[in-house]
C-alpha atoms as a PDB file:
ATOM      1  CA  MET A   1     -16.446   5.236 -26.983  1.00  0.00           C
ATOM      2  CA  GLU A   2     -17.556   2.775 -24.341  1.00  0.00           C
ATOM      3  CA  ASP A   3     -15.034   0.203 -25.469  1.00  0.00           C
ATOM      4  CA  THR A   4     -12.199   2.726 -25.324  1.00  0.00           C
ATOM      5  CA  LEU A   5     -13.223   3.759 -21.827  1.00  0.00           C
ATOM      6  CA  LEU A   6     -13.415   0.133 -20.799  1.00  0.00           C
ATOM      7  CA  TYR A   7      -9.933  -0.593 -22.174  1.00  0.00           C
ATOM      8  CA  VAL A   8      -8.484   2.446 -20.408  1.00  0.00           C
ATOM      9  CA  VAL A   9      -9.951   1.325 -17.086  1.00  0.00           C
ATOM     10  CA  ILE A  10      -8.695  -2.239 -17.639  1.00  0.00           C
ATOM     11  CA  ALA A  11      -5.194  -0.929 -18.421  1.00  0.00           C
ATOM     12  CA  CYS A  12      -5.247   1.294 -15.312  1.00  0.00           C
ATOM     13  CA  PHE A  13      -6.464  -1.639 -13.241  1.00  0.00           C
ATOM     14  CA  ALA A  14      -3.685  -3.897 -14.519  1.00  0.00           C
ATOM     15  CA  ALA A  15      -1.045  -1.224 -13.900  1.00  0.00           C
ATOM     16  CA  MET A  16      -2.312  -0.553 -10.374  1.00  0.00           C
ATOM     17  CA  LEU A  17      -2.464  -4.280  -9.644  1.00  0.00           C
ATOM     18  CA  ILE A  18       1.174  -4.710 -10.659  1.00  0.00           C
ATOM     19  CA  LEU A  19       2.154  -1.649  -8.630  1.00  0.00           C
ATOM     20  CA  ASN A  20       0.200  -2.956  -5.644  1.00  0.00           C
ATOM     21  CA  ILE A  21       1.990  -6.320  -5.833  1.00  0.00           C
ATOM     22  CA  TYR A  22       5.315  -4.474  -6.037  1.00  0.00           C
ATOM     23  CA  PHE A  23       4.567  -2.498  -2.861  1.00  0.00           C
ATOM     24  CA  ARG A  24       3.359  -5.600  -1.052  1.00  0.00           C
ATOM     25  CA  LEU A  25       6.657  -7.318  -1.824  1.00  0.00           C
ATOM     26  CA  LYS A  26       8.525  -4.255  -0.566  1.00  0.00           C
ATOM     27  CA  VAL A  27       6.467  -4.322   2.646  1.00  0.00           C
ATOM     28  CA  MET A  28       7.281  -7.993   3.194  1.00  0.00           C
ATOM     29  CA  ARG A  29      11.007  -7.411   2.656  1.00  0.00           C
ATOM     30  CA  SER A  30      11.015  -4.426   5.007  1.00  0.00           C
ATOM     31  CA  TYR A  31       9.073  -6.382   7.603  1.00  0.00           C
ATOM     32  CA  ARG A  32      11.602  -9.205   7.387  1.00  0.00           C
ATOM     33  CA  LYS A  33      14.404  -6.683   8.002  1.00  0.00           C
ATOM     34  CA  MET A  34      12.534  -5.294  11.018  1.00  0.00           C
ATOM     35  CA  VAL A  35      12.026  -8.740  12.508  1.00  0.00           C
ATOM     36  CA  GLN A  36      15.678  -9.636  11.982  1.00  0.00           C
ATOM     37  CA  ALA A  37      16.672  -6.375  13.676  1.00  0.00           C
ATOM     38  CA  GLY A  38      14.512  -7.269  16.677  1.00  0.00           C
ATOM     39  CA  VAL A  39      11.964  -4.471  16.322  1.00  0.00           C
ATOM     40  CA  GLU A  40       8.693  -5.281  18.050  1.00  0.00           C
ATOM     41  CA  ALA A  41       5.841  -2.809  17.619  1.00  0.00           C
ATOM     42  CA  ARG A  42       2.117  -2.957  17.069  1.00  0.00           C
ATOM     43  CA  ALA A  43       0.764  -1.944  13.672  1.00  0.00           C
ATOM     44  CA  ARG A  44      -1.286   0.783  15.326  1.00  0.00           C
ATOM     45  CA  ASP A  45       1.859   2.308  16.807  1.00  0.00           C
ATOM     46  CA  LEU A  46       3.565   2.311  13.425  1.00  0.00           C
ATOM     47  CA  LEU A  47       0.683   3.938  11.565  1.00  0.00           C
ATOM     48  CA  ILE A  48       0.067   6.798  14.016  1.00  0.00           C
ATOM     49  CA  LYS A  49       2.795   9.365  13.371  1.00  0.00           C
ATOM     50  CA  GLU A  50       2.818  10.766  16.905  1.00  0.00           C
ATOM     51  CA  THR A  51       3.183   7.341  18.517  1.00  0.00           C
ATOM     52  CA  LEU A  52       5.826   6.377  15.971  1.00  0.00           C
ATOM     53  CA  GLU A  53       7.909   9.432  16.807  1.00  0.00           C
ATOM     54  CA  THR A  54       7.467   9.290  20.599  1.00  0.00           C
ATOM     55  CA  LYS A  55       7.490   5.563  21.380  1.00  0.00           C
ATOM     56  CA  VAL A  56       8.751   3.341  18.597  1.00  0.00           C
ATOM     57  CA  ILE A  57      11.680   5.338  17.172  1.00  0.00           C
ATOM     58  CA  PRO A  58      13.127   6.179  20.632  1.00  0.00           C
ATOM     59  CA  ALA A  59      12.864   2.508  21.630  1.00  0.00           C
ATOM     60  CA  TYR A  60      14.851   1.417  18.545  1.00  0.00           C
ATOM     61  CA  PRO A  61      17.083   4.335  17.511  1.00  0.00           C
ATOM     62  CA  ASP A  62      19.529   2.126  15.589  1.00  0.00           C
ATOM     63  CA  GLN A  63      16.745   0.740  13.391  1.00  0.00           C
ATOM     64  CA  GLU A  64      15.102   4.101  12.605  1.00  0.00           C
ATOM     65  CA  ASP A  65      15.763   3.824   8.865  1.00  0.00           C
ATOM     66  CA  ILE A  66      14.334   0.312   8.683  1.00  0.00           C
ATOM     67  CA  ILE A  67      11.219   1.337  10.613  1.00  0.00           C
ATOM     68  CA  ARG A  68      10.617   4.442   8.487  1.00  0.00           C
ATOM     69  CA  GLU A  69      11.139   2.428   5.303  1.00  0.00           C
ATOM     70  CA  PHE A  70       8.592  -0.156   6.443  1.00  0.00           C
ATOM     71  CA  VAL A  71       6.032   2.475   7.421  1.00  0.00           C
ATOM     72  CA  GLY A  72       6.487   4.293   4.107  1.00  0.00           C
ATOM     73  CA  TYR A  73       5.996   1.151   2.059  1.00  0.00           C
ATOM     74  CA  LEU A  74       3.010   0.150   4.174  1.00  0.00           C
ATOM     75  CA  LYS A  75       1.283   3.499   3.658  1.00  0.00           C
ATOM     76  CA  ASN A  76       2.021   3.415  -0.076  1.00  0.00           C
ATOM     77  CA  GLY A  77       0.526  -0.055  -0.204  1.00  0.00           C
ATOM     78  CA  PHE A  78      -2.632   1.213   1.486  1.00  0.00           C
ATOM     79  CA  ARG A  79      -2.882   4.059  -1.016  1.00  0.00           C
ATOM     80  CA  MET A  80      -2.439   1.716  -3.954  1.00  0.00           C
ATOM     81  CA  THR A  81      -5.090  -0.625  -2.578  1.00  0.00           C
ATOM     82  CA  SER A  82      -7.517   2.282  -2.227  1.00  0.00           C
ATOM     83  CA  VAL A  83      -6.924   3.353  -5.819  1.00  0.00           C
ATOM     84  CA  LEU A  84      -7.289  -0.239  -6.965  1.00  0.00           C
ATOM     85  CA  LEU A  85     -10.620  -0.515  -5.167  1.00  0.00           C
ATOM     86  CA  GLY A  86     -11.786   2.711  -6.808  1.00  0.00           C
ATOM     87  CA  LEU A  87     -10.829   1.359 -10.216  1.00  0.00           C
ATOM     88  CA  VAL A  88     -12.737  -1.859  -9.555  1.00  0.00           C
ATOM     89  CA  ILE A  89     -15.812   0.183  -8.658  1.00  0.00           C
ATOM     90  CA  LEU A  90     -15.378   2.338 -11.768  1.00  0.00           C
ATOM     91  CA  PHE A  91     -14.921  -0.778 -13.888  1.00  0.00           C
ATOM     92  CA  GLY A  92     -18.131  -2.262 -12.478  1.00  0.00           C
ATOM     93  CA  TYR A  93     -20.010   0.983 -13.103  1.00  0.00           C
ATOM     94  CA  ILE A  94     -18.846   1.113 -16.713  1.00  0.00           C
ATOM     95  CA  LEU A  95     -19.856  -2.500 -17.263  1.00  0.00           C
ATOM     96  CA  MET A  96     -23.304  -1.923 -15.771  1.00  0.00           C
ATOM     97  CA  LYS A  97     -23.872   1.354 -17.583  1.00  0.00           C
ATOM     98  CA  PHE A  98     -22.758   0.539 -21.104  1.00  0.00           C
ATOM     99  CA  LYS A  99     -23.058  -3.240 -21.503  1.00  0.00           C
ATOM    100  CA  ASN A 100     -26.680  -4.303 -21.765  1.00  0.00           C
END
């Protein structure tokens, strides 16, 4: 039972790691597009929805799609990292609990 649980957590960890790397690559590509388009904004402004809608998007209306794409990938990357951290903690708990 413990071994099966351990293998399931390892498989989930590997899948989330691959997915996390995928989203990080997407973030880097989107960021490159933003830089090439001349968009200059602080990360804080991009992550706060109200500031994004009132300051950043109106300042760069032609690059709205690029900005929204970048913000979406960035938030997905944060979510994946959080899940990955949770899986690492779960993995550590399983190792401490069942492997003596």
